[in-house]
Amino acid sequence: MGVEYANRNGVKLSVLPKLGHFPHLQAPEQTVDEVRAAFLAVERDTGPQ
């Protein structure tokens, strides 16, 4: 489902290794780190929102 959404909207999809459908429950720290990194990358590329 995520792959189809990303393809349809032309956005990059990152799959977290060794995690299933609920990464926030399986590895909360890793999930938070990934989300923060994504927001920081967007801010770096586009400036503060």
Protein backbone atom coordinates (compact mmCIF):
# COMPACT_ATOMS: atom_id res chain seq x y z
CA MET A 1 0.00 0.00 0.00
CA GLY A 2 2.79 2.44 0.85
CA VAL A 3 4.68 1.66 -2.35
CA GLU A 4 1.62 2.34 -4.47
CA TYR A 5 0.95 5.61 -2.64
CA ALA A 6 4.56 6.76 -3.08
CA ASN A 7 4.59 5.86 -6.76
CA ARG A 8 1.26 7.58 -7.42
CA ASN A 9 2.42 10.78 -5.70
CA GLY A 10 6.00 10.76 -6.93
CA VAL A 11 7.56 10.67 -3.49
CA LYS A 12 10.45 8.67 -2.07
CA LEU A 13 9.59 5.70 0.13
CA SER A 14 12.01 4.39 2.75
CA VAL A 15 11.39 0.94 4.17
CA LEU A 16 12.70 0.46 7.69
CA PRO A 17 14.72 -2.78 7.87
CA LYS A 18 13.46 -5.65 10.04
CA LEU A 19 10.20 -3.87 10.86
CA GLY A 20 6.66 -4.76 9.98
CA HIS A 21 3.42 -2.84 9.67
CA PHE A 22 3.67 -1.12 13.08
CA PRO A 23 7.23 0.20 13.43
CA HIS A 24 6.22 2.66 16.16
CA LEU A 25 5.34 -0.33 18.36
CA GLN A 26 8.24 -2.57 17.34
CA ALA A 27 11.09 -0.04 17.51
CA PRO A 28 9.83 3.31 18.78
CA GLU A 29 13.27 4.91 19.11
CA GLN A 30 14.27 3.97 15.56
CA THR A 31 10.95 5.19 14.22
CA VAL A 32 11.30 8.56 15.96
CA ASP A 33 14.85 8.93 14.64
CA GLU A 34 13.70 8.17 11.08
CA VAL A 35 10.78 10.62 11.25
CA ARG A 36 12.97 13.38 12.72
CA ALA A 37 15.60 12.82 10.04
CA ALA A 38 12.95 13.08 7.34
CA PHE A 39 11.60 16.36 8.72
CA LEU A 40 15.11 17.78 9.07
CA ALA A 41 15.90 16.83 5.47
CA VAL A 42 12.78 18.60 4.23
CA GLU A 43 13.58 21.67 6.31
CA ARG A 44 17.16 21.67 5.03
CA ASP A 45 15.97 21.43 1.42
CA THR A 46 13.08 23.90 1.59
CA GLY A 47 13.73 26.08 4.62
CA PRO A 48 11.66 26.29 7.82
CA GLN A 49 7.94 25.83 7.28
